[in-house]
């Protein structure tokens, strides 16, 4: 854990704030463009963690910065929006996340960034990193919002566009536009943008961040164009504080058996029994094991583990590829064992 002190709170459009930090522990953990920071809060014996993407860039001389959307029912988002003040200290974990861009002076890329609303947060970090740390890479940001007034980082993005006019193109999409053809992102719009800005002499890579239907639209369109799936990266924002819709709850699993497993973590073996209605992470935390986790919903990479014996099923997985799952990788936050003797090694 690291101790960060809030140095600035910036009000952003559409119920968002950007929070800047200084690291009073003096360690300044390194991070990659596109990663997220996990904040930890203690309420008596209860610990609550929430993850927020960096909007700052490791390639730019600027403070660590995250951007947080207010969630109406959100315990932590309401705390950050309404009670947190400059000077407050917060415990944070090492930066995490696989939605990253690794710059190199030899890169010659065209980076397409598709974002909607607060989904622009990690894309802004990637945009700044690619422009500052590389000399030939071009960036195309396709950014959807309800209006100009609700667009996060609008003025800052214009400054970056002015500073890099030959290497940065920003396509602002506003749903209140009078031109209905460009008021919302659609398949033809994506095709035209990619064809217009795709440079045959450069490698192309695609990043998407926004609602699932938005990212699916981009992904299926790009796949239809022949873009390799490995070149299409996505980051899903999930607000665990939001109440679950009763109509969307899944039926109880058929297998209601409790299974005995062994969890291996930091050189120790932890035998435990996992009931059908609890995940491996749930029981591990009940045993007071300091396991790595963040989203608890299968949408980040913090709790990736390896099944070395037996088998598990996952309620949800937004991170691992089919091949990784076939090779035994799992997310313990959504995993349930399927047989006695299952052994899992936590990284």
Protein backbone atom coordinates (compact mmCIF):
# COMPACT_ATOMS: atom_id res chain seq x y z
CA UNK A 1 0.00 0.00 0.00
CA UNK A 2 1.01 3.59 -0.65
CA UNK A 3 -0.22 6.75 1.03
CA UNK A 4 -1.34 9.49 -1.34
CA UNK A 5 -2.39 12.98 -0.35
CA UNK A 6 -4.95 14.86 -2.44
CA UNK A 7 -3.34 17.98 -3.86
CA UNK A 8 -6.16 19.22 -6.09
CA UNK A 9 -9.79 18.44 -6.94
CA UNK A 10 -10.98 19.64 -10.35
CA UNK A 11 -14.67 19.84 -11.20
CA UNK A 12 -15.43 18.26 -14.57
CA UNK A 13 -18.61 18.24 -16.70
CA UNK A 14 -21.32 15.59 -16.40
CA UNK A 15 -20.89 14.81 -12.68
CA UNK A 16 -17.17 13.99 -12.84
CA UNK A 17 -14.18 15.16 -10.85
CA UNK A 18 -10.46 14.78 -11.43
CA UNK A 19 -8.38 14.17 -8.31
CA UNK A 20 -4.66 14.88 -8.27
CA UNK A 21 -2.30 13.27 -5.78
CA UNK A 22 1.12 13.60 -4.26
CA UNK A 23 2.80 10.49 -2.88
CA UNK A 24 3.74 11.28 0.72
CA UNK A 25 5.23 7.80 1.16
CA UNK A 26 7.92 8.90 -1.30
CA UNK A 27 7.83 5.79 -3.45
CA UNK A 28 5.84 7.02 -6.46
CA UNK A 29 4.83 3.63 -7.91
CA UNK A 30 5.35 3.52 -11.68
CA UNK A 31 2.33 3.09 -13.93
CA UNK A 32 1.58 2.56 -17.59
CA UNK A 33 -0.69 4.63 -19.81
CA UNK A 34 -4.20 3.17 -19.60
CA UNK A 35 -3.85 1.58 -16.16
CA UNK A 36 -6.02 2.20 -13.12
CA UNK A 37 -5.38 3.05 -9.47
CA UNK A 38 -7.17 1.17 -6.70
CA UNK A 39 -8.16 3.20 -3.64
CA UNK A 40 -8.72 1.41 -0.33
CA UNK A 41 -11.03 2.71 2.41
CA UNK A 42 -11.45 1.27 5.90
CA UNK A 43 -14.81 1.52 7.64
CA UNK A 44 -14.19 -0.22 10.96
CA UNK A 45 -13.40 -3.85 10.15
CA UNK A 46 -14.76 -3.46 6.62
CA UNK A 47 -12.46 -2.57 3.72
CA UNK A 48 -13.85 -1.19 0.48
CA UNK A 49 -11.79 -0.85 -2.70
CA UNK A 50 -12.60 1.07 -5.84
CA UNK A 51 -10.56 1.42 -9.03
CA UNK A 52 -10.30 4.52 -11.20
CA UNK A 53 -8.32 4.97 -14.42
CA UNK A 54 -5.43 7.40 -14.64
CA UNK A 55 -6.18 10.45 -16.73
CA UNK A 56 -2.58 11.58 -16.27
CA UNK A 57 0.29 10.24 -18.34
CA UNK A 58 3.53 8.68 -17.09
CA UNK A 59 5.33 10.32 -20.01
CA UNK A 60 4.28 13.84 -19.00
CA UNK A 61 5.59 15.85 -16.06
CA UNK A 62 2.25 16.06 -14.25
CA UNK A 63 0.76 14.83 -10.97
CA UNK A 64 -0.91 11.44 -10.65
CA UNK A 65 -4.53 12.07 -11.62
CA UNK A 66 -7.68 9.94 -11.70
CA UNK A 67 -11.14 10.95 -12.89
CA UNK A 68 -14.21 9.79 -10.99
CA UNK A 69 -17.84 9.76 -12.11
CA UNK A 70 -20.49 10.29 -9.47
CA UNK A 71 -22.72 7.24 -9.04
CA UNK A 72 -26.05 8.01 -7.39
CA UNK A 73 -25.97 4.96 -5.12
CA UNK A 74 -22.20 4.87 -4.89
CA UNK A 75 -20.75 4.70 -1.42
CA UNK A 76 -17.23 5.65 -2.52
CA UNK A 77 -18.03 7.94 -5.45
CA UNK A 78 -20.31 10.03 -3.20
CA UNK A 79 -17.56 10.12 -0.58
CA UNK A 80 -15.02 11.35 -3.13
CA UNK A 81 -17.40 13.88 -4.65
CA UNK A 82 -18.94 15.35 -1.51
CA UNK A 83 -16.71 14.72 1.51
CA UNK A 84 -13.15 14.41 0.26
CA UNK A 85 -11.00 17.54 0.52
CA UNK A 86 -7.56 18.72 -0.54
CA UNK A 87 -5.07 17.45 2.02
CA UNK A 88 -6.91 14.21 2.75
CA UNK A 89 -4.79 11.07 2.73
CA UNK A 90 -5.87 7.89 0.92
CA UNK A 91 -4.39 4.41 0.84
CA UNK A 92 -3.78 3.13 -2.69
CA UNK A 93 -2.49 -0.10 -4.21
CA UNK A 94 0.02 -0.65 -7.00
CA UNK A 95 -1.33 0.48 -10.40
CA UNK A 96 -2.97 -2.37 -12.30
CA UNK A 97 -4.61 -3.13 -15.61
CA UNK A 98 -3.90 -4.70 -18.99
CA UNK A 99 -5.47 -1.91 -21.06
CA UNK A 100 -2.10 -0.32 -21.70
CA UNK A 101 0.00 1.35 -24.36
CA UNK A 102 3.76 0.85 -24.13
CA UNK A 103 5.57 3.62 -26.01
CA UNK A 104 8.79 3.14 -27.94
CA UNK A 105 10.85 5.56 -29.98
CA UNK A 106 10.80 3.05 -32.82
CA UNK A 107 7.00 2.74 -32.89
CA UNK A 108 5.32 3.92 -36.06
CA UNK A 109 1.65 3.50 -35.24
CA UNK A 110 -1.74 4.91 -35.94
CA UNK A 111 -3.66 4.65 -32.68
CA UNK A 112 -7.45 4.80 -32.87
CA UNK A 113 -9.08 5.66 -29.54
CA UNK A 114 -12.86 5.21 -29.29
CA UNK A 115 -14.38 6.58 -26.10
CA UNK A 116 -17.75 7.60 -24.72
CA UNK A 117 -18.29 9.87 -21.72
CA UNK A 118 -15.98 9.13 -18.79
CA UNK A 119 -14.54 6.29 -20.89
CA UNK A 120 -12.16 8.88 -22.31
CA UNK A 121 -10.17 8.79 -19.05
CA UNK A 122 -7.61 6.03 -19.86
CA UNK A 123 -7.66 7.07 -23.52
CA UNK A 124 -6.49 10.56 -22.55
CA UNK A 125 -3.56 8.97 -20.72
CA UNK A 126 -2.71 6.90 -23.80
CA UNK A 127 -3.10 9.88 -26.14
CA UNK A 128 -0.67 12.05 -24.18
CA UNK A 129 1.83 9.21 -23.78
CA UNK A 130 1.95 8.35 -27.49
CA UNK A 131 2.35 11.98 -28.55
CA UNK A 132 5.06 12.85 -26.02
CA UNK A 133 7.07 9.62 -25.89
CA UNK A 134 7.06 8.93 -29.64
CA UNK A 135 7.85 11.00 -32.70
CA UNK A 136 6.05 9.28 -35.59
CA UNK A 137 2.89 7.81 -34.05
CA UNK A 138 -0.41 9.38 -35.05
CA UNK A 139 -3.46 9.41 -32.78
CA UNK A 140 -7.13 9.52 -33.77
CA UNK A 141 -9.52 10.12 -30.86
CA UNK A 142 -13.19 9.45 -31.56
CA UNK A 143 -15.04 10.84 -28.56
CA UNK A 144 -18.81 10.65 -28.02
CA UNK A 145 -20.83 12.79 -25.60
CA UNK A 146 -24.32 14.23 -25.31
CA UNK A 147 -23.07 17.77 -25.98
CA UNK A 148 -20.00 19.98 -26.08
CA UNK A 149 -20.84 21.22 -22.59
CA UNK A 150 -20.80 17.66 -21.20
CA UNK A 151 -17.42 16.78 -22.74
CA UNK A 152 -14.70 16.01 -20.19
CA UNK A 153 -11.24 17.47 -20.94
CA UNK A 154 -12.63 19.45 -23.89
CA UNK A 155 -10.34 22.50 -23.51
CA UNK A 156 -7.31 20.34 -22.68
CA UNK A 157 -7.89 18.17 -25.73
CA UNK A 158 -8.03 21.24 -27.96
CA UNK A 159 -4.68 22.35 -26.52
CA UNK A 160 -3.16 18.97 -27.35
CA UNK A 161 -4.61 19.12 -30.85
CA UNK A 162 -3.10 22.57 -31.36
CA UNK A 163 0.28 21.35 -30.10
CA UNK A 164 0.31 18.30 -32.39
CA UNK A 165 -1.76 19.29 -35.45
CA UNK A 166 -0.01 16.82 -37.77
CA UNK A 167 -0.23 13.85 -35.43
CA UNK A 168 -3.52 14.22 -33.57
CA UNK A 169 -7.05 14.25 -34.94
CA UNK A 170 -10.03 14.53 -32.60
CA UNK A 171 -13.49 13.60 -33.82
CA UNK A 172 -15.97 15.05 -31.33
CA UNK A 173 -19.38 13.39 -31.61
CA UNK A 174 -22.29 15.13 -29.87
CA UNK A 175 -25.74 13.57 -29.83
CA UNK A 176 -27.39 17.01 -29.78
CA UNK A 177 -25.84 17.81 -33.18
CA UNK A 178 -28.24 18.99 -35.87
CA UNK A 179 -26.47 16.75 -38.38
CA UNK A 180 -28.05 13.41 -37.57
CA UNK A 181 -25.48 11.53 -39.68
CA UNK A 182 -22.72 12.50 -37.26
CA UNK A 183 -24.72 12.81 -34.04
CA UNK A 184 -23.98 9.25 -32.94
CA UNK A 185 -21.31 6.73 -33.72
CA UNK A 186 -22.50 4.11 -36.19
CA UNK A 187 -21.01 1.47 -38.45
CA UNK A 188 -20.63 3.67 -41.53
CA UNK A 189 -19.19 6.47 -39.42
CA UNK A 190 -16.53 4.11 -38.05
CA UNK A 191 -15.71 2.73 -41.51
CA UNK A 192 -15.24 6.22 -42.93
CA UNK A 193 -13.08 7.40 -40.04
CA UNK A 194 -10.78 4.40 -40.14
CA UNK A 195 -10.40 4.52 -43.92
CA UNK A 196 -9.72 8.26 -43.81
CA UNK A 197 -7.02 8.11 -41.16
CA UNK A 198 -5.53 4.65 -41.62
CA UNK A 199 -1.99 4.93 -42.90
CA UNK A 200 -0.85 1.86 -44.82
CA UNK A 201 2.73 2.60 -43.84
CA UNK A 202 1.92 2.49 -40.14
CA UNK A 203 0.73 -0.26 -37.84
CA UNK A 204 -2.78 0.29 -36.53
CA UNK A 205 -3.99 -0.45 -33.01
CA UNK A 206 -7.46 0.20 -31.61
CA UNK A 207 -8.58 1.02 -28.06
CA UNK A 208 -12.22 1.25 -26.94
CA UNK A 209 -13.67 2.34 -23.61
CA UNK A 210 -17.31 2.97 -22.89
CA UNK A 211 -20.62 1.14 -22.49
CA UNK A 212 -20.65 -2.48 -23.64
CA UNK A 213 -22.96 -1.82 -26.58
CA UNK A 214 -20.67 1.01 -27.70
CA UNK A 215 -17.56 -1.16 -27.58
CA UNK A 216 -19.35 -4.04 -29.29
CA UNK A 217 -20.33 -1.73 -32.14
CA UNK A 218 -16.71 -0.68 -32.62
CA UNK A 219 -15.35 -4.20 -32.24
CA UNK A 220 -17.75 -5.90 -34.66
CA UNK A 221 -17.24 -3.16 -37.24
CA UNK A 222 -13.46 -3.44 -37.03
CA UNK A 223 -13.57 -7.23 -37.19
CA UNK A 224 -15.72 -6.93 -40.30
CA UNK A 225 -13.00 -4.77 -41.83
CA UNK A 226 -10.46 -7.52 -41.25
CA UNK A 227 -8.78 -6.01 -38.19
CA UNK A 228 -7.20 -8.82 -36.09
CA UNK A 229 -8.97 -9.26 -32.78
CA UNK A 230 -5.63 -8.99 -30.97
CA UNK A 231 -5.35 -5.38 -32.20
CA UNK A 232 -8.67 -4.36 -30.63
CA UNK A 233 -8.34 -3.58 -26.92
CA UNK A 234 -11.22 -2.73 -24.59
CA UNK A 235 -11.65 -1.43 -21.08
CA UNK A 236 -14.96 -1.86 -19.31
CA UNK A 237 -15.99 0.58 -16.62
CA UNK A 238 -18.12 -1.08 -13.96
CA UNK A 239 -19.68 0.58 -10.96
CA UNK A 240 -20.12 -2.13 -8.30
CA UNK A 241 -22.01 0.33 -6.13
CA UNK A 242 -24.95 0.46 -8.50
CA UNK A 243 -27.91 -1.58 -7.37
CA UNK A 244 -28.52 -4.76 -9.33
CA UNK A 245 -31.73 -4.98 -11.29
CA UNK A 246 -33.85 -7.82 -9.89
CA UNK A 247 -34.92 -8.77 -13.42
CA UNK A 248 -31.31 -9.21 -14.48
CA UNK A 249 -30.22 -11.52 -11.69
CA UNK A 250 -29.13 -14.91 -12.92
CA UNK A 251 -30.88 -18.04 -11.78
CA UNK A 252 -29.18 -20.03 -9.04
CA UNK A 253 -26.63 -22.51 -10.39
CA UNK A 254 -27.72 -26.11 -10.66
CA UNK A 255 -24.63 -27.33 -8.78
CA UNK A 256 -25.19 -26.38 -5.13
CA UNK A 257 -22.28 -28.45 -3.81
CA UNK A 258 -19.58 -27.05 -1.53
CA UNK A 259 -16.07 -27.98 -2.64
CA UNK A 260 -12.79 -28.21 -0.72
CA UNK A 261 -9.87 -26.43 -2.37
CA UNK A 262 -6.32 -25.31 -1.65
CA UNK A 263 -5.42 -21.69 -2.28
CA UNK A 264 -1.69 -21.00 -2.68
CA UNK A 265 -0.63 -17.44 -1.95
CA UNK A 266 2.76 -15.94 -1.07
CA UNK A 267 4.31 -19.32 -0.30
CA UNK A 268 1.52 -20.57 1.96
CA UNK A 269 -1.26 -23.13 1.40
CA UNK A 270 -4.74 -22.26 2.59
CA UNK A 271 -7.24 -25.16 2.66
CA UNK A 272 -10.81 -23.89 2.55
CA UNK A 273 -14.33 -24.90 1.66
CA UNK A 274 -16.18 -22.85 -0.97
CA UNK A 275 -20.00 -22.88 -0.78
CA UNK A 276 -21.86 -22.74 -4.09
CA UNK A 277 -23.05 -19.18 -3.48
CA UNK A 278 -19.63 -17.68 -2.64
CA UNK A 279 -16.61 -17.03 -4.82
CA UNK A 280 -13.09 -18.12 -4.03
CA UNK A 281 -12.19 -14.50 -3.31
CA UNK A 282 -15.15 -14.14 -0.92
CA UNK A 283 -14.00 -17.05 1.22
CA UNK A 284 -10.35 -16.04 1.01
CA UNK A 285 -11.19 -12.61 2.40
CA UNK A 286 -13.34 -14.21 5.10
CA UNK A 287 -10.21 -16.11 6.12
CA UNK A 288 -8.43 -12.74 6.45
CA UNK A 289 -6.03 -13.51 3.60
CA UNK A 290 -4.70 -10.31 2.03
CA UNK A 291 -5.57 -11.34 -1.51
CA UNK A 292 -5.22 -8.95 -4.46
CA UNK A 293 -8.54 -7.72 -5.81
CA UNK A 294 -10.23 -4.59 -7.03
CA UNK A 295 -13.47 -4.69 -9.04
CA UNK A 296 -14.91 -7.99 -7.68
CA UNK A 297 -16.81 -8.34 -10.95
CA UNK A 298 -14.47 -9.97 -13.46
CA UNK A 299 -13.69 -6.73 -15.26
CA UNK A 300 -10.13 -5.97 -14.17
CA UNK A 301 -6.98 -8.07 -14.02
CA UNK A 302 -6.00 -7.65 -10.38
CA UNK A 303 -6.95 -11.15 -9.17
CA UNK A 304 -5.74 -13.27 -12.10
CA UNK A 305 -4.72 -16.71 -10.79
CA UNK A 306 -3.73 -20.13 -12.09
CA UNK A 307 -5.64 -23.37 -11.61
CA UNK A 308 -2.98 -26.06 -11.18
CA UNK A 309 -5.36 -28.88 -10.32
CA UNK A 310 -9.09 -29.39 -10.78
CA UNK A 311 -11.38 -26.88 -12.45
CA UNK A 312 -13.39 -23.72 -11.83
CA UNK A 313 -16.23 -21.89 -13.50
CA UNK A 314 -16.45 -18.11 -13.70
CA UNK A 315 -19.63 -16.09 -13.37
CA UNK A 316 -18.13 -13.40 -15.59
CA UNK A 317 -14.86 -12.73 -17.40
CA UNK A 318 -14.05 -9.56 -19.27
CA UNK A 319 -10.26 -9.97 -19.14
CA UNK A 320 -8.96 -13.43 -20.00
CA UNK A 321 -8.87 -14.86 -23.50
CA UNK A 322 -10.37 -18.26 -24.32
CA UNK A 323 -6.86 -19.68 -24.65
CA UNK A 324 -5.86 -18.37 -21.21
CA UNK A 325 -8.99 -19.91 -19.68
CA UNK A 326 -8.27 -23.21 -21.42
CA UNK A 327 -4.77 -23.09 -19.93
CA UNK A 328 -6.14 -22.70 -16.41
CA UNK A 329 -6.13 -18.96 -15.83
CA UNK A 330 -9.04 -17.61 -13.79
CA UNK A 331 -10.33 -14.56 -11.95
CA UNK A 332 -10.91 -15.61 -8.35
CA UNK A 333 -13.39 -12.77 -7.80
CA UNK A 334 -15.94 -14.58 -10.00
CA UNK A 335 -14.66 -18.17 -9.74
CA UNK A 336 -16.33 -21.20 -8.15
CA UNK A 337 -14.61 -24.62 -7.89
CA UNK A 338 -16.17 -27.53 -9.75
CA UNK A 339 -14.51 -30.42 -7.92
CA UNK A 340 -12.84 -31.29 -4.63
CA UNK A 341 -9.10 -30.90 -4.48
CA UNK A 342 -9.01 -27.94 -6.86
CA UNK A 343 -5.76 -26.05 -6.33
CA UNK A 344 -5.31 -22.41 -7.29
CA UNK A 345 -2.14 -20.35 -7.21
CA UNK A 346 -2.69 -16.62 -6.75
CA UNK A 347 -0.11 -14.44 -8.47
